[in-house]
């Protein structure tokens, strides 16, 4: 929204609300390198990437 050069002394009714800043705490370098000792892997099965097929194999 543009403000005219002569204007600006009147209030437009907008009230700025101070929001709480969200901050993610940094992990230590040791924990970053070695991993979390309390981590529990809850995955049911291992990740296996899908095998890519050739384009012309779809026409067979």
PDB file of N, CA and C in Angstrom:
ATOM      1  N   UNK A   1       0.845  -1.159   0.000  1.00  0.00           N
ATOM      2  CA  UNK A   1       0.000   0.000   0.000  1.00  0.00           C
ATOM      3  C   UNK A   1       0.896   1.229   0.000  1.00  0.00           C
ATOM      4  N   UNK A   2       0.659   2.123  -0.898  1.00  0.00           N
ATOM      5  CA  UNK A   2       1.473   3.320  -1.031  1.00  0.00           C
ATOM      6  C   UNK A   2       0.965   4.413  -0.102  1.00  0.00           C
ATOM      7  N   UNK A   3       1.888   5.214   0.364  1.00  0.00           N
ATOM      8  CA  UNK A   3       1.528   6.337   1.226  1.00  0.00           C
ATOM      9  C   UNK A   3       1.872   7.626   0.478  1.00  0.00           C
ATOM     10  N   UNK A   4       0.972   8.568   0.412  1.00  0.00           N
ATOM     11  CA  UNK A   4       1.273   9.810  -0.287  1.00  0.00           C
ATOM     12  C   UNK A   4       2.380  10.582   0.431  1.00  0.00           C
ATOM     13  N   UNK A   5       3.067  11.453  -0.316  1.00  0.00           N
ATOM     14  CA  UNK A   5       4.203  12.179   0.239  1.00  0.00           C
ATOM     15  C   UNK A   5       3.790  13.093   1.379  1.00  0.00           C
ATOM     16  N   UNK A   6       2.634  13.703   1.295  1.00  0.00           N
ATOM     17  CA  UNK A   6       2.204  14.647   2.331  1.00  0.00           C
ATOM     18  C   UNK A   6       1.523  13.966   3.503  1.00  0.00           C
ATOM     19  N   UNK A   7       1.134  12.710   3.338  1.00  0.00           N
ATOM     20  CA  UNK A   7       0.381  12.034   4.392  1.00  0.00           C
ATOM     21  C   UNK A   7       1.282  11.292   5.355  1.00  0.00           C
ATOM     22  N   UNK A   8       0.688  10.634   6.306  1.00  0.00           N
ATOM     23  CA  UNK A   8       1.458   9.845   7.245  1.00  0.00           C
ATOM     24  C   UNK A   8       1.233  10.226   8.683  1.00  0.00           C
ATOM     25  N   UNK A   9       0.599  11.352   8.929  1.00  0.00           N
ATOM     26  CA  UNK A   9       0.382  11.774  10.307  1.00  0.00           C
ATOM     27  C   UNK A   9      -0.885  11.143  10.878  1.00  0.00           C
ATOM     28  N   UNK A  10      -1.804  10.731  10.007  1.00  0.00           N
ATOM     29  CA  UNK A  10      -3.044  10.083  10.468  1.00  0.00           C
ATOM     30  C   UNK A  10      -2.819   8.600  10.674  1.00  0.00           C
ATOM     31  N   UNK A  11      -3.470   8.027  11.657  1.00  0.00           N
ATOM     32  CA  UNK A  11      -3.385   6.594  11.911  1.00  0.00           C
ATOM     33  C   UNK A  11      -4.404   5.878  11.026  1.00  0.00           C
ATOM     34  N   UNK A  12      -4.011   4.738  10.472  1.00  0.00           N
ATOM     35  CA  UNK A  12      -4.945   3.970   9.651  1.00  0.00           C
ATOM     36  C   UNK A  12      -5.623   2.856  10.451  1.00  0.00           C
ATOM     37  N   UNK A  13      -5.396   2.791  11.751  1.00  0.00           N
ATOM     38  CA  UNK A  13      -6.052   1.819  12.600  1.00  0.00           C
ATOM     39  C   UNK A  13      -5.311   0.504  12.714  1.00  0.00           C
ATOM     40  N   UNK A  14      -4.171   0.361  12.038  1.00  0.00           N
ATOM     41  CA  UNK A  14      -3.391  -0.868  12.080  1.00  0.00           C
ATOM     42  C   UNK A  14      -2.615  -0.945  13.390  1.00  0.00           C
ATOM     43  N   UNK A  15      -2.784  -2.045  14.102  1.00  0.00           N
ATOM     44  CA  UNK A  15      -2.074  -2.264  15.358  1.00  0.00           C
ATOM     45  C   UNK A  15      -1.115  -3.431  15.149  1.00  0.00           C
ATOM     46  N   UNK A  16       0.179  -3.191  15.371  1.00  0.00           N
ATOM     47  CA  UNK A  16       1.178  -4.236  15.185  1.00  0.00           C
ATOM     48  C   UNK A  16       1.201  -5.124  16.421  1.00  0.00           C
ATOM     49  N   UNK A  17       1.097  -6.419  16.192  1.00  0.00           N
ATOM     50  CA  UNK A  17       1.105  -7.386  17.289  1.00  0.00           C
ATOM     51  C   UNK A  17       2.487  -8.019  17.332  1.00  0.00           C
ATOM     52  N   UNK A  18       3.114  -7.970  18.494  1.00  0.00           N
ATOM     53  CA  UNK A  18       4.424  -8.586  18.645  1.00  0.00           C
ATOM     54  C   UNK A  18       4.241 -10.091  18.771  1.00  0.00           C
ATOM     55  N   UNK A  19       4.789 -10.829  17.793  1.00  0.00           N
ATOM     56  CA  UNK A  19       4.669 -12.284  17.801  1.00  0.00           C
ATOM     57  C   UNK A  19       5.862 -12.889  18.527  1.00  0.00           C
ATOM     58  N   UNK A  20       5.633 -14.034  19.124  1.00  0.00           N
ATOM     59  CA  UNK A  20       6.709 -14.749  19.794  1.00  0.00           C
ATOM     60  C   UNK A  20       7.584 -15.381  18.715  1.00  0.00           C
ATOM     61  N   UNK A  21       8.880 -15.147  18.800  1.00  0.00           N
ATOM     62  CA  UNK A  21       9.790 -15.699  17.810  1.00  0.00           C
ATOM     63  C   UNK A  21      10.013 -17.173  18.098  1.00  0.00           C
ATOM     64  N   UNK A  22       9.920 -17.984  17.036  1.00  0.00           N
ATOM     65  CA  UNK A  22      10.135 -19.417  17.176  1.00  0.00           C
ATOM     66  C   UNK A  22      11.612 -19.681  16.959  1.00  0.00           C
ATOM     67  N   UNK A  23      12.245 -20.322  17.913  1.00  0.00           N
ATOM     68  CA  UNK A  23      13.670 -20.578  17.831  1.00  0.00           C
ATOM     69  C   UNK A  23      13.931 -22.060  18.040  1.00  0.00           C
ATOM     70  N   UNK A  24      14.679 -22.646  17.135  1.00  0.00           N
ATOM     71  CA  UNK A  24      15.067 -24.045  17.268  1.00  0.00           C
ATOM     72  C   UNK A  24      16.458 -24.062  17.877  1.00  0.00           C
ATOM     73  N   UNK A  25      16.583 -24.772  18.987  1.00  0.00           N
ATOM     74  CA  UNK A  25      17.843 -24.795  19.702  1.00  0.00           C
ATOM     75  C   UNK A  25      18.882 -25.597  18.918  1.00  0.00           C
ATOM     76  N   UNK A  26      20.098 -25.060  18.810  1.00  0.00           N
ATOM     77  CA  UNK A  26      21.176 -25.743  18.105  1.00  0.00           C
ATOM     78  C   UNK A  26      21.667 -26.914  18.938  1.00  0.00           C
ATOM     79  N   UNK A  27      22.030 -28.006  18.258  1.00  0.00           N
ATOM     80  CA  UNK A  27      22.588 -29.156  18.963  1.00  0.00           C
ATOM     81  C   UNK A  27      24.089 -28.988  19.055  1.00  0.00           C
ATOM     82  N   UNK A  28      24.699 -29.664  20.024  1.00  0.00           N
ATOM     83  CA  UNK A  28      26.141 -29.573  20.166  1.00  0.00           C
ATOM     84  C   UNK A  28      26.825 -30.307  19.017  1.00  0.00           C
ATOM     85  N   UNK A  29      28.077 -29.970  18.767  1.00  0.00           N
ATOM     86  CA  UNK A  29      28.830 -30.571  17.666  1.00  0.00           C
ATOM     87  C   UNK A  29      29.018 -32.072  17.905  1.00  0.00           C
ATOM     88  N   UNK A  30      29.219 -32.469  19.155  1.00  0.00           N
ATOM     89  CA  UNK A  30      29.403 -33.887  19.489  1.00  0.00           C
ATOM     90  C   UNK A  30      28.139 -34.680  19.189  1.00  0.00           C
ATOM     91  N   UNK A  31      26.986 -34.152  19.577  1.00  0.00           N
ATOM     92  CA  UNK A  31      25.731 -34.840  19.315  1.00  0.00           C
ATOM     93  C   UNK A  31      25.430 -34.859  17.819  1.00  0.00           C
ATOM     94  N   UNK A  32      25.825 -33.819  17.102  1.00  0.00           N
ATOM     95  CA  UNK A  32      25.621 -33.762  15.664  1.00  0.00           C
ATOM     96  C   UNK A  32      26.427 -34.845  14.959  1.00  0.00           C
ATOM     97  N   UNK A  33      27.661 -35.071  15.407  1.00  0.00           N
ATOM     98  CA  UNK A  33      28.532 -36.053  14.768  1.00  0.00           C
ATOM     99  C   UNK A  33      28.189 -37.482  15.177  1.00  0.00           C
ATOM    100  N   UNK A  34      27.871 -37.714  16.441  1.00  0.00           N
ATOM    101  CA  UNK A  34      27.658 -39.079  16.940  1.00  0.00           C
ATOM    102  C   UNK A  34      26.201 -39.492  16.978  1.00  0.00           C
ATOM    103  N   UNK A  35      25.284 -38.551  16.905  1.00  0.00           N
ATOM    104  CA  UNK A  35      23.863 -38.878  16.949  1.00  0.00           C
ATOM    105  C   UNK A  35      23.310 -38.835  18.349  1.00  0.00           C
ATOM    106  N   UNK A  36      22.003 -38.919  18.441  1.00  0.00           N
ATOM    107  CA  UNK A  36      21.314 -38.860  19.724  1.00  0.00           C
ATOM    108  C   UNK A  36      21.389 -40.220  20.399  1.00  0.00           C
ATOM    109  N   UNK A  37      21.937 -40.317  21.628  1.00  0.00           N
ATOM    110  CA  UNK A  37      22.030 -41.621  22.288  1.00  0.00           C
ATOM    111  C   UNK A  37      20.666 -42.175  22.713  1.00  0.00           C
ATOM    112  N   UNK A  38      19.656 -41.332  22.843  1.00  0.00           N
ATOM    113  CA  UNK A  38      18.329 -41.777  23.277  1.00  0.00           C
ATOM    114  C   UNK A  38      17.387 -42.040  22.113  1.00  0.00           C
ATOM    115  N   UNK A  39      17.905 -42.037  20.876  1.00  0.00           N
ATOM    116  CA  UNK A  39      17.067 -42.224  19.697  1.00  0.00           C
ATOM    117  C   UNK A  39      16.612 -43.672  19.583  1.00  0.00           C
ATOM    118  N   UNK A  40      15.315 -43.868  19.347  1.00  0.00           N
ATOM    119  CA  UNK A  40      14.746 -45.197  19.145  1.00  0.00           C
ATOM    120  C   UNK A  40      14.171 -45.235  17.742  1.00  0.00           C
ATOM    121  N   UNK A  41      14.662 -46.179  16.930  1.00  0.00           N
ATOM    122  CA  UNK A  41      14.196 -46.295  15.553  1.00  0.00           C
ATOM    123  C   UNK A  41      12.876 -47.053  15.559  1.00  0.00           C
ATOM    124  N   UNK A  42      11.785 -46.389  15.180  1.00  0.00           N
ATOM    125  CA  UNK A  42      10.447 -46.980  15.232  1.00  0.00           C
ATOM    126  C   UNK A  42       9.932 -47.398  13.869  1.00  0.00           C
ATOM    127  N   UNK A  43      10.822 -47.438  12.876  1.00  0.00           N
ATOM    128  CA  UNK A  43      10.377 -47.847  11.545  1.00  0.00           C
ATOM    129  C   UNK A  43      10.081 -49.340  11.533  1.00  0.00           C
ATOM    130  N   UNK A  44       9.079 -49.715  10.746  1.00  0.00           N
ATOM    131  CA  UNK A  44       8.664 -51.114  10.671  1.00  0.00           C
ATOM    132  C   UNK A  44       9.588 -51.932   9.763  1.00  0.00           C
ATOM    133  N   UNK A  45      10.006 -51.328   8.642  1.00  0.00           N
ATOM    134  CA  UNK A  45      10.877 -52.038   7.717  1.00  0.00           C
ATOM    135  C   UNK A  45      11.929 -51.071   7.164  1.00  0.00           C
ATOM    136  N   UNK A  46      12.944 -51.607   6.549  1.00  0.00           N
ATOM    137  CA  UNK A  46      14.022 -50.791   6.021  1.00  0.00           C
ATOM    138  C   UNK A  46      13.592 -50.103   4.738  1.00  0.00           C
ATOM    139  N   UNK A  47      14.238 -49.008   4.434  1.00  0.00           N
ATOM    140  CA  UNK A  47      13.967 -48.284   3.196  1.00  0.00           C
ATOM    141  C   UNK A  47      14.680 -48.988   2.054  1.00  0.00           C
ATOM    142  N   UNK A  48      13.909 -49.366   1.042  1.00  0.00           N
ATOM    143  CA  UNK A  48      14.468 -49.986  -0.150  1.00  0.00           C
ATOM    144  C   UNK A  48      14.035 -49.132  -1.332  1.00  0.00           C
ATOM    145  N   UNK A  49      14.975 -48.502  -2.042  1.00  0.00           N
ATOM    146  CA  UNK A  49      14.579 -47.670  -3.169  1.00  0.00           C
ATOM    147  C   UNK A  49      13.987 -48.506  -4.291  1.00  0.00           C
ATOM    148  N   UNK A  50      12.997 -47.920  -4.996  1.00  0.00           N
ATOM    149  CA  UNK A  50      12.363 -48.631  -6.092  1.00  0.00           C
ATOM    150  C   UNK A  50      13.331 -48.742  -7.259  1.00  0.00           C
ATOM    151  N   UNK A  51      13.260 -49.869  -7.945  1.00  0.00           N
ATOM    152  CA  UNK A  51      14.121 -50.089  -9.092  1.00  0.00           C
ATOM    153  C   UNK A  51      13.546 -49.316 -10.274  1.00  0.00           C
ATOM    154  N   UNK A  52      14.393 -48.538 -10.925  1.00  0.00           N
ATOM    155  CA  UNK A  52      13.944 -47.745 -12.067  1.00  0.00           C
ATOM    156  C   UNK A  52      13.890 -48.631 -13.305  1.00  0.00           C
ATOM    157  N   UNK A  53      12.807 -48.497 -14.053  1.00  0.00           N
ATOM    158  CA  UNK A  53      12.642 -49.264 -15.268  1.00  0.00           C
ATOM    159  C   UNK A  53      13.023 -48.406 -16.466  1.00  0.00           C
ATOM    160  N   UNK A  54      13.461 -49.072 -17.504  1.00  0.00           N
ATOM    161  CA  UNK A  54      13.777 -48.367 -18.732  1.00  0.00           C
ATOM    162  C   UNK A  54      12.485 -47.909 -19.394  1.00  0.00           C
ATOM    163  N   UNK A  55      12.558 -46.874 -20.204  1.00  0.00           N
ATOM    164  CA  UNK A  55      11.377 -46.310 -20.833  1.00  0.00           C
ATOM    165  C   UNK A  55      10.709 -47.311 -21.774  1.00  0.00           C
ATOM    166  N   UNK A  56      11.496 -48.036 -22.553  1.00  0.00           N
ATOM    167  CA  UNK A  56      10.928 -48.949 -23.554  1.00  0.00           C
ATOM    168  C   UNK A  56      10.423 -50.248 -22.939  1.00  0.00           C
ATOM    169  N   UNK A  57      10.698 -50.518 -21.679  1.00  0.00           N
ATOM    170  CA  UNK A  57      10.195 -51.745 -21.062  1.00  0.00           C
ATOM    171  C   UNK A  57       8.685 -51.643 -20.793  1.00  0.00           C
ATOM    172  N   UNK A  58       8.111 -50.434 -20.823  1.00  0.00           N
ATOM    173  CA  UNK A  58       6.682 -50.261 -20.628  1.00  0.00           C
ATOM    174  C   UNK A  58       5.877 -50.770 -21.841  1.00  0.00           C
ATOM    175  N   UNK A  59       6.495 -50.817 -23.018  1.00  0.00           N
ATOM    176  CA  UNK A  59       5.803 -51.198 -24.243  1.00  0.00           C
ATOM    177  C   UNK A  59       5.817 -52.695 -24.500  1.00  0.00           C
ATOM    178  N   UNK A  60       6.467 -53.451 -23.640  1.00  0.00           N
ATOM    179  CA  UNK A  60       6.554 -54.905 -23.850  1.00  0.00           C
ATOM    180  C   UNK A  60       5.376 -55.619 -23.260  1.00  0.00           C
TER     181      UNK A  60
END
